[in-house]
């Protein structure tokens, strides 16, 4: 929605993105955010509803912070659901999440680190993922 470009190609000082009600219409495509790591730092927040990359693990009012080159992506439930879904047009209703993405590292303030309830088991959402790729090209 908003961006403050930097002088460095491929990065922004800050981007603001809003994920609202929307239609998912891509065919033959993995619809949730894929597993990735990048040079930008991402602060995600869920305002209300279900965030499709973590349907049970990202409650309204929750936030996640993934700094530069920290891998992240959907949890197992979202991955398996998206991998096995019938890819008909689907509408995500009653949902609103946001992301601040910046080329600068982000940090919790001392107050937030001491006062906010932290989800100590956050990393466990990826523990049960099965390895699906071994590097061997698929032959058709």
N, C-alpha and C. Protein backbone atom coordinates (compact mmCIF):
# COMPACT_ATOMS: atom_id res chain seq x y z
N UNK A 1 0.82 -1.18 0.00
CA UNK A 1 0.00 0.00 0.00
C UNK A 1 0.86 1.25 0.00
N UNK A 2 1.91 1.25 0.83
CA UNK A 2 2.80 2.42 0.93
C UNK A 2 4.24 1.95 0.87
N UNK A 3 5.10 2.76 0.31
CA UNK A 3 6.51 2.43 0.28
C UNK A 3 7.34 3.69 0.41
N UNK A 4 8.50 3.55 1.01
CA UNK A 4 9.51 4.60 1.06
C UNK A 4 10.77 3.99 0.46
N UNK A 5 11.00 4.22 -0.83
CA UNK A 5 12.12 3.57 -1.50
C UNK A 5 13.46 4.01 -0.93
N UNK A 6 14.43 3.14 -1.09
CA UNK A 6 15.80 3.47 -0.67
C UNK A 6 16.62 3.72 -1.92
N UNK A 7 17.87 4.06 -1.73
CA UNK A 7 18.77 4.23 -2.87
C UNK A 7 19.37 2.92 -3.32
N UNK A 8 19.03 1.81 -2.66
CA UNK A 8 19.59 0.51 -2.95
C UNK A 8 18.54 -0.33 -3.69
N UNK A 9 18.83 -0.68 -4.94
CA UNK A 9 17.87 -1.42 -5.76
C UNK A 9 17.46 -2.73 -5.08
N UNK A 10 16.16 -3.02 -5.13
CA UNK A 10 15.64 -4.27 -4.56
C UNK A 10 15.28 -4.18 -3.09
N UNK A 11 15.48 -3.03 -2.48
CA UNK A 11 15.12 -2.85 -1.07
C UNK A 11 14.34 -1.55 -0.92
N UNK A 12 13.67 -1.43 0.19
CA UNK A 12 12.95 -0.20 0.53
C UNK A 12 13.31 0.18 1.96
N UNK A 13 13.26 1.46 2.23
CA UNK A 13 13.43 1.87 3.62
C UNK A 13 12.33 1.25 4.46
N UNK A 14 11.11 1.31 3.94
CA UNK A 14 9.99 0.61 4.58
C UNK A 14 8.86 0.45 3.57
N UNK A 15 8.19 -0.69 3.64
CA UNK A 15 6.97 -0.96 2.90
C UNK A 15 5.89 -1.27 3.92
N UNK A 16 4.67 -0.88 3.63
CA UNK A 16 3.52 -1.24 4.45
C UNK A 16 2.54 -1.99 3.55
N UNK A 17 2.15 -3.19 3.96
CA UNK A 17 1.27 -4.05 3.17
C UNK A 17 0.08 -4.44 4.04
N UNK A 18 -1.09 -4.47 3.45
CA UNK A 18 -2.30 -4.87 4.16
C UNK A 18 -2.91 -6.07 3.44
N UNK A 19 -3.16 -7.15 4.17
CA UNK A 19 -3.78 -8.36 3.64
C UNK A 19 -5.23 -8.40 4.13
N UNK A 20 -6.16 -8.08 3.23
CA UNK A 20 -7.57 -8.01 3.59
C UNK A 20 -8.35 -9.13 2.92
N UNK A 21 -9.69 -9.00 3.00
CA UNK A 21 -10.54 -9.92 2.26
C UNK A 21 -10.10 -9.90 0.81
N UNK A 22 -10.02 -11.08 0.20
CA UNK A 22 -9.57 -11.13 -1.18
C UNK A 22 -9.94 -12.47 -1.80
N UNK A 23 -9.94 -12.47 -3.11
CA UNK A 23 -10.16 -13.69 -3.88
C UNK A 23 -8.82 -14.32 -4.20
N UNK A 24 -8.72 -15.63 -4.02
CA UNK A 24 -7.56 -16.41 -4.44
C UNK A 24 -7.98 -17.13 -5.72
N UNK A 25 -7.34 -16.81 -6.82
CA UNK A 25 -7.78 -17.35 -8.10
C UNK A 25 -6.68 -18.04 -8.88
N UNK A 26 -5.46 -18.03 -8.41
CA UNK A 26 -4.35 -18.64 -9.16
C UNK A 26 -4.55 -20.14 -9.27
N UNK A 27 -4.46 -20.66 -10.48
CA UNK A 27 -4.56 -22.10 -10.70
C UNK A 27 -3.16 -22.69 -10.78
N UNK A 28 -3.01 -23.95 -10.35
CA UNK A 28 -1.73 -24.65 -10.41
C UNK A 28 -0.65 -23.87 -9.66
N UNK A 29 -1.01 -23.34 -8.51
CA UNK A 29 -0.09 -22.48 -7.76
C UNK A 29 -0.26 -22.71 -6.27
N UNK A 30 0.84 -22.57 -5.54
CA UNK A 30 0.81 -22.63 -4.08
C UNK A 30 0.38 -21.26 -3.59
N UNK A 31 -0.75 -21.15 -2.93
CA UNK A 31 -1.35 -19.86 -2.62
C UNK A 31 -0.81 -19.16 -1.37
N UNK A 32 -0.54 -19.84 -0.28
CA UNK A 32 0.00 -19.09 0.86
C UNK A 32 1.41 -18.56 0.55
N UNK A 33 1.92 -17.68 1.40
CA UNK A 33 3.31 -17.28 1.20
C UNK A 33 4.20 -18.52 1.25
N UNK A 34 5.18 -18.60 0.39
CA UNK A 34 6.06 -19.76 0.34
C UNK A 34 7.18 -19.60 1.36
N UNK A 35 7.94 -20.63 1.57
CA UNK A 35 9.09 -20.57 2.46
C UNK A 35 10.15 -19.69 1.82
N UNK A 36 10.69 -18.79 2.59
CA UNK A 36 11.67 -17.88 2.02
C UNK A 36 12.53 -17.25 3.11
N UNK A 37 13.58 -16.65 2.69
CA UNK A 37 14.38 -15.75 3.52
C UNK A 37 14.85 -14.65 2.59
N UNK A 38 14.95 -13.45 3.10
CA UNK A 38 15.30 -12.35 2.23
C UNK A 38 16.11 -11.30 2.98
N UNK A 39 16.55 -10.30 2.26
CA UNK A 39 17.38 -9.26 2.87
C UNK A 39 16.55 -8.25 3.64
N UNK A 40 15.25 -8.29 3.47
CA UNK A 40 14.37 -7.39 4.20
C UNK A 40 13.95 -8.03 5.52
N UNK A 41 13.64 -7.22 6.50
CA UNK A 41 13.09 -7.67 7.77
C UNK A 41 11.59 -7.48 7.74
N UNK A 42 10.84 -8.49 8.20
CA UNK A 42 9.39 -8.47 8.12
C UNK A 42 8.76 -8.52 9.51
N UNK A 43 7.90 -7.57 9.80
CA UNK A 43 7.08 -7.58 11.00
C UNK A 43 5.65 -7.79 10.54
N UNK A 44 5.08 -8.97 10.85
CA UNK A 44 3.71 -9.31 10.47
C UNK A 44 2.82 -9.16 11.69
N UNK A 45 1.60 -8.71 11.47
CA UNK A 45 0.62 -8.62 12.54
C UNK A 45 -0.74 -9.06 12.05
N UNK A 46 -1.51 -9.71 12.90
CA UNK A 46 -2.87 -10.13 12.56
C UNK A 46 -3.84 -9.27 13.36
N UNK A 47 -4.70 -8.53 12.66
CA UNK A 47 -5.67 -7.66 13.32
C UNK A 47 -6.92 -8.44 13.67
N UNK A 48 -7.49 -9.17 12.69
CA UNK A 48 -8.63 -10.03 12.98
C UNK A 48 -8.72 -11.13 11.93
N UNK A 49 -9.44 -12.18 12.26
CA UNK A 49 -9.65 -13.29 11.34
C UNK A 49 -8.48 -14.26 11.33
N UNK A 50 -8.43 -15.06 10.27
CA UNK A 50 -7.43 -16.11 10.13
C UNK A 50 -6.41 -15.69 9.09
N UNK A 51 -5.13 -15.80 9.43
CA UNK A 51 -4.06 -15.56 8.46
C UNK A 51 -3.77 -16.89 7.78
N UNK A 52 -3.86 -16.94 6.45
CA UNK A 52 -3.84 -18.21 5.73
C UNK A 52 -2.53 -18.98 5.84
N UNK A 53 -1.42 -18.36 6.19
CA UNK A 53 -0.16 -19.09 6.31
C UNK A 53 0.00 -19.78 7.67
N UNK A 54 -0.79 -19.38 8.64
CA UNK A 54 -0.75 -20.00 9.97
C UNK A 54 -2.16 -19.96 10.56
N UNK A 55 -3.06 -20.81 10.06
CA UNK A 55 -4.46 -20.73 10.47
C UNK A 55 -4.72 -20.87 11.96
N UNK A 56 -3.93 -21.67 12.65
CA UNK A 56 -4.17 -21.85 14.10
C UNK A 56 -3.12 -21.15 14.96
N UNK A 57 -2.01 -20.76 14.39
CA UNK A 57 -0.91 -20.27 15.21
C UNK A 57 -0.68 -18.77 15.18
N UNK A 58 -1.58 -18.04 14.54
CA UNK A 58 -1.36 -16.60 14.43
C UNK A 58 -2.68 -15.92 14.77
N UNK A 59 -2.91 -15.71 16.04
CA UNK A 59 -4.19 -15.22 16.53
C UNK A 59 -4.30 -13.71 16.34
N UNK A 60 -5.52 -13.18 16.32
CA UNK A 60 -5.69 -11.73 16.27
C UNK A 60 -4.93 -11.06 17.42
N UNK A 61 -4.22 -10.01 17.10
CA UNK A 61 -3.37 -9.34 18.08
C UNK A 61 -1.95 -9.87 18.09
N UNK A 62 -1.72 -10.99 17.40
CA UNK A 62 -0.38 -11.59 17.36
C UNK A 62 0.51 -10.92 16.33
N UNK A 63 1.80 -11.00 16.57
CA UNK A 63 2.79 -10.47 15.63
C UNK A 63 3.95 -11.44 15.53
N UNK A 64 4.65 -11.37 14.41
CA UNK A 64 5.89 -12.13 14.27
C UNK A 64 6.94 -11.22 13.65
N UNK A 65 8.17 -11.47 14.00
CA UNK A 65 9.28 -10.69 13.48
C UNK A 65 10.31 -11.64 12.89
N UNK A 66 10.61 -11.45 11.61
CA UNK A 66 11.63 -12.25 10.93
C UNK A 66 12.63 -11.28 10.33
N UNK A 67 13.79 -11.20 10.93
CA UNK A 67 14.81 -10.28 10.44
C UNK A 67 15.56 -10.88 9.26
N UNK A 68 16.46 -10.12 8.71
CA UNK A 68 17.23 -10.45 7.51
C UNK A 68 17.75 -11.89 7.52
N UNK A 69 17.42 -12.60 6.45
CA UNK A 69 17.90 -13.96 6.18
C UNK A 69 17.44 -15.01 7.19
N UNK A 70 16.37 -14.74 7.92
CA UNK A 70 15.78 -15.73 8.83
C UNK A 70 14.67 -16.45 8.06
N UNK A 71 14.83 -17.77 7.80
CA UNK A 71 13.82 -18.48 7.01
C UNK A 71 12.47 -18.55 7.74
N UNK A 72 11.39 -18.44 6.95
CA UNK A 72 10.04 -18.53 7.51
C UNK A 72 9.05 -18.83 6.39
N UNK A 73 7.87 -19.19 6.79
CA UNK A 73 6.82 -19.53 5.83
C UNK A 73 5.65 -20.19 6.55
N UNK A 74 4.75 -20.83 5.81
CA UNK A 74 3.54 -21.39 6.42
C UNK A 74 3.84 -22.57 7.35
N UNK A 75 2.92 -22.78 8.30
CA UNK A 75 3.06 -23.95 9.17
C UNK A 75 2.61 -25.20 8.42
N UNK A 76 2.74 -26.36 9.06
CA UNK A 76 2.43 -27.61 8.37
C UNK A 76 0.98 -27.67 7.92
N UNK A 77 0.07 -27.26 8.78
CA UNK A 77 -1.35 -27.31 8.43
C UNK A 77 -1.62 -26.49 7.17
N UNK A 78 -1.07 -25.30 7.10
CA UNK A 78 -1.27 -24.44 5.92
C UNK A 78 -0.60 -25.04 4.70
N UNK A 79 0.61 -25.59 4.87
CA UNK A 79 1.33 -26.18 3.75
C UNK A 79 0.57 -27.38 3.17
N UNK A 80 0.17 -28.31 4.04
CA UNK A 80 -0.55 -29.50 3.58
C UNK A 80 -1.90 -29.12 2.97
N UNK A 81 -2.60 -28.19 3.60
CA UNK A 81 -3.89 -27.77 3.08
C UNK A 81 -3.76 -27.16 1.69
N UNK A 82 -2.78 -26.28 1.52
CA UNK A 82 -2.58 -25.63 0.22
C UNK A 82 -2.06 -26.60 -0.83
N UNK A 83 -1.25 -27.55 -0.42
CA UNK A 83 -0.68 -28.51 -1.37
C UNK A 83 -1.72 -29.50 -1.88
N UNK A 84 -2.78 -29.72 -1.12
CA UNK A 84 -3.79 -30.71 -1.48
C UNK A 84 -5.15 -30.10 -1.80
N UNK A 85 -5.22 -28.79 -1.88
CA UNK A 85 -6.50 -28.11 -2.10
C UNK A 85 -6.94 -28.21 -3.56
N UNK A 86 -8.24 -28.23 -3.74
CA UNK A 86 -8.82 -28.08 -5.07
C UNK A 86 -8.71 -26.59 -5.41
N UNK A 87 -7.96 -26.26 -6.43
CA UNK A 87 -7.64 -24.86 -6.70
C UNK A 87 -8.74 -24.15 -7.49
N UNK A 88 -9.91 -24.12 -6.91
CA UNK A 88 -11.00 -23.32 -7.45
C UNK A 88 -10.88 -21.92 -6.86
N UNK A 89 -11.51 -20.93 -7.48
CA UNK A 89 -11.51 -19.60 -6.85
C UNK A 89 -12.08 -19.70 -5.43
N UNK A 90 -11.42 -19.04 -4.51
CA UNK A 90 -11.81 -19.09 -3.09
C UNK A 90 -11.70 -17.69 -2.53
N UNK A 91 -12.68 -17.30 -1.73
CA UNK A 91 -12.63 -15.97 -1.13
C UNK A 91 -12.25 -16.08 0.34
N UNK A 92 -11.24 -15.31 0.73
CA UNK A 92 -10.88 -15.18 2.14
C UNK A 92 -11.70 -14.03 2.69
N UNK A 93 -12.60 -14.33 3.62
CA UNK A 93 -13.49 -13.32 4.21
C UNK A 93 -13.07 -13.01 5.63
N UNK A 94 -13.46 -11.85 6.08
CA UNK A 94 -13.30 -11.46 7.48
C UNK A 94 -11.89 -11.70 7.99
N UNK A 95 -10.92 -11.15 7.30
CA UNK A 95 -9.53 -11.27 7.70
C UNK A 95 -8.80 -9.97 7.42
N UNK A 96 -7.90 -9.59 8.30
CA UNK A 96 -7.06 -8.44 8.05
C UNK A 96 -5.74 -8.61 8.80
N UNK A 97 -4.67 -8.66 8.04
CA UNK A 97 -3.32 -8.73 8.58
C UNK A 97 -2.49 -7.66 7.90
N UNK A 98 -1.34 -7.35 8.47
CA UNK A 98 -0.48 -6.32 7.89
C UNK A 98 0.97 -6.75 7.97
N UNK A 99 1.81 -6.07 7.21
CA UNK A 99 3.25 -6.32 7.27
C UNK A 99 3.99 -5.00 7.07
N UNK A 100 4.97 -4.78 7.92
CA UNK A 100 5.97 -3.75 7.71
C UNK A 100 7.23 -4.48 7.28
N UNK A 101 7.78 -4.09 6.15
CA UNK A 101 8.99 -4.71 5.64
C UNK A 101 10.02 -3.60 5.45
N UNK A 102 11.23 -3.82 5.94
CA UNK A 102 12.25 -2.79 5.87
C UNK A 102 13.63 -3.41 5.65
N UNK A 103 14.52 -2.63 5.07
CA UNK A 103 15.89 -3.11 4.88
C UNK A 103 16.70 -3.02 6.17
N UNK A 104 16.12 -2.41 7.20
CA UNK A 104 16.81 -2.24 8.48
C UNK A 104 16.41 -3.33 9.46
N UNK A 105 17.33 -3.78 10.32
CA UNK A 105 16.95 -4.76 11.35
C UNK A 105 15.92 -4.14 12.30
N UNK A 106 15.02 -4.98 12.79
CA UNK A 106 14.02 -4.52 13.75
C UNK A 106 14.29 -5.20 15.08
N UNK A 107 13.99 -4.52 16.16
CA UNK A 107 14.26 -5.04 17.50
C UNK A 107 13.07 -4.75 18.40
N UNK A 108 12.87 -5.61 19.37
CA UNK A 108 11.89 -5.34 20.42
C UNK A 108 12.48 -4.30 21.36
N UNK A 109 11.63 -3.44 21.86
CA UNK A 109 12.08 -2.54 22.92
C UNK A 109 12.21 -3.35 24.20
N UNK A 110 12.92 -2.83 25.16
CA UNK A 110 13.07 -3.51 26.45
C UNK A 110 11.69 -3.70 27.09
N UNK A 111 10.82 -2.69 26.99
CA UNK A 111 9.48 -2.79 27.55
C UNK A 111 8.70 -3.93 26.91
N UNK A 112 8.73 -4.01 25.58
CA UNK A 112 7.99 -5.06 24.88
C UNK A 112 8.53 -6.44 25.24
N UNK A 113 9.84 -6.57 25.32
CA UNK A 113 10.44 -7.87 25.64
C UNK A 113 10.04 -8.33 27.04
N UNK A 114 9.84 -7.41 27.95
CA UNK A 114 9.49 -7.77 29.34
C UNK A 114 7.98 -7.83 29.57
N UNK A 115 7.21 -7.03 28.81
CA UNK A 115 5.79 -6.87 29.11
C UNK A 115 4.87 -7.70 28.22
N UNK A 116 5.23 -7.87 26.97
CA UNK A 116 4.34 -8.57 26.03
C UNK A 116 4.44 -10.07 26.24
N UNK A 117 3.32 -10.79 26.18
CA UNK A 117 3.41 -12.25 26.25
C UNK A 117 4.06 -12.78 24.97
N UNK A 118 5.12 -13.53 25.12
CA UNK A 118 5.83 -14.09 23.97
C UNK A 118 5.42 -15.55 23.79
N UNK A 119 5.37 -15.99 22.55
CA UNK A 119 5.03 -17.37 22.24
C UNK A 119 6.33 -18.16 22.17
N UNK A 120 6.70 -18.77 23.28
CA UNK A 120 7.99 -19.46 23.38
C UNK A 120 8.12 -20.63 22.41
N UNK A 121 7.00 -21.22 21.99
CA UNK A 121 7.05 -22.38 21.10
C UNK A 121 6.81 -22.01 19.63
N UNK A 122 6.98 -20.74 19.26
CA UNK A 122 6.69 -20.28 17.91
C UNK A 122 7.43 -21.12 16.86
N UNK A 123 8.69 -21.41 17.08
CA UNK A 123 9.49 -22.15 16.10
C UNK A 123 8.97 -23.57 15.89
N UNK A 124 8.23 -24.09 16.86
CA UNK A 124 7.71 -25.46 16.76
C UNK A 124 6.69 -25.63 15.63
N UNK A 125 6.14 -24.54 15.11
CA UNK A 125 5.14 -24.67 14.04
C UNK A 125 5.74 -25.29 12.78
N UNK A 126 7.06 -25.31 12.68
CA UNK A 126 7.72 -25.91 11.51
C UNK A 126 8.35 -27.28 11.84
N UNK A 127 8.29 -27.71 13.10
CA UNK A 127 8.97 -28.93 13.51
C UNK A 127 8.43 -30.18 12.83
N UNK A 128 7.13 -30.22 12.55
CA UNK A 128 6.53 -31.43 11.99
C UNK A 128 6.49 -31.43 10.46
N UNK A 129 7.09 -30.45 9.82
CA UNK A 129 7.12 -30.44 8.35
C UNK A 129 7.95 -31.59 7.83
N UNK A 130 7.46 -32.24 6.80
CA UNK A 130 8.20 -33.33 6.18
C UNK A 130 9.02 -32.78 5.03
N UNK A 131 10.19 -33.34 4.84
CA UNK A 131 11.03 -32.95 3.71
C UNK A 131 10.37 -33.44 2.43
N UNK A 132 10.11 -32.53 1.51
CA UNK A 132 9.43 -32.88 0.26
C UNK A 132 10.34 -32.73 -0.96
N UNK A 133 11.50 -32.14 -0.79
CA UNK A 133 12.37 -31.84 -1.92
C UNK A 133 13.77 -32.39 -1.62
N UNK A 134 14.32 -33.18 -2.54
CA UNK A 134 15.64 -33.73 -2.35
C UNK A 134 16.64 -33.21 -3.39
N UNK A 135 16.21 -32.27 -4.21
CA UNK A 135 17.08 -31.71 -5.23
C UNK A 135 17.02 -32.41 -6.57
N UNK A 136 16.34 -33.56 -6.61
CA UNK A 136 16.26 -34.32 -7.86
C UNK A 136 15.16 -33.74 -8.74
N UNK A 137 15.47 -33.39 -9.98
CA UNK A 137 14.44 -32.84 -10.87
C UNK A 137 13.36 -33.89 -11.14
N UNK A 138 12.12 -33.43 -11.21
CA UNK A 138 11.01 -34.32 -11.55
C UNK A 138 11.02 -34.59 -13.03
N UNK A 139 10.95 -35.86 -13.41
CA UNK A 139 10.95 -36.25 -14.82
C UNK A 139 9.52 -36.57 -15.21
N UNK A 140 9.05 -35.93 -16.29
CA UNK A 140 7.67 -36.19 -16.75
C UNK A 140 7.69 -36.86 -18.08
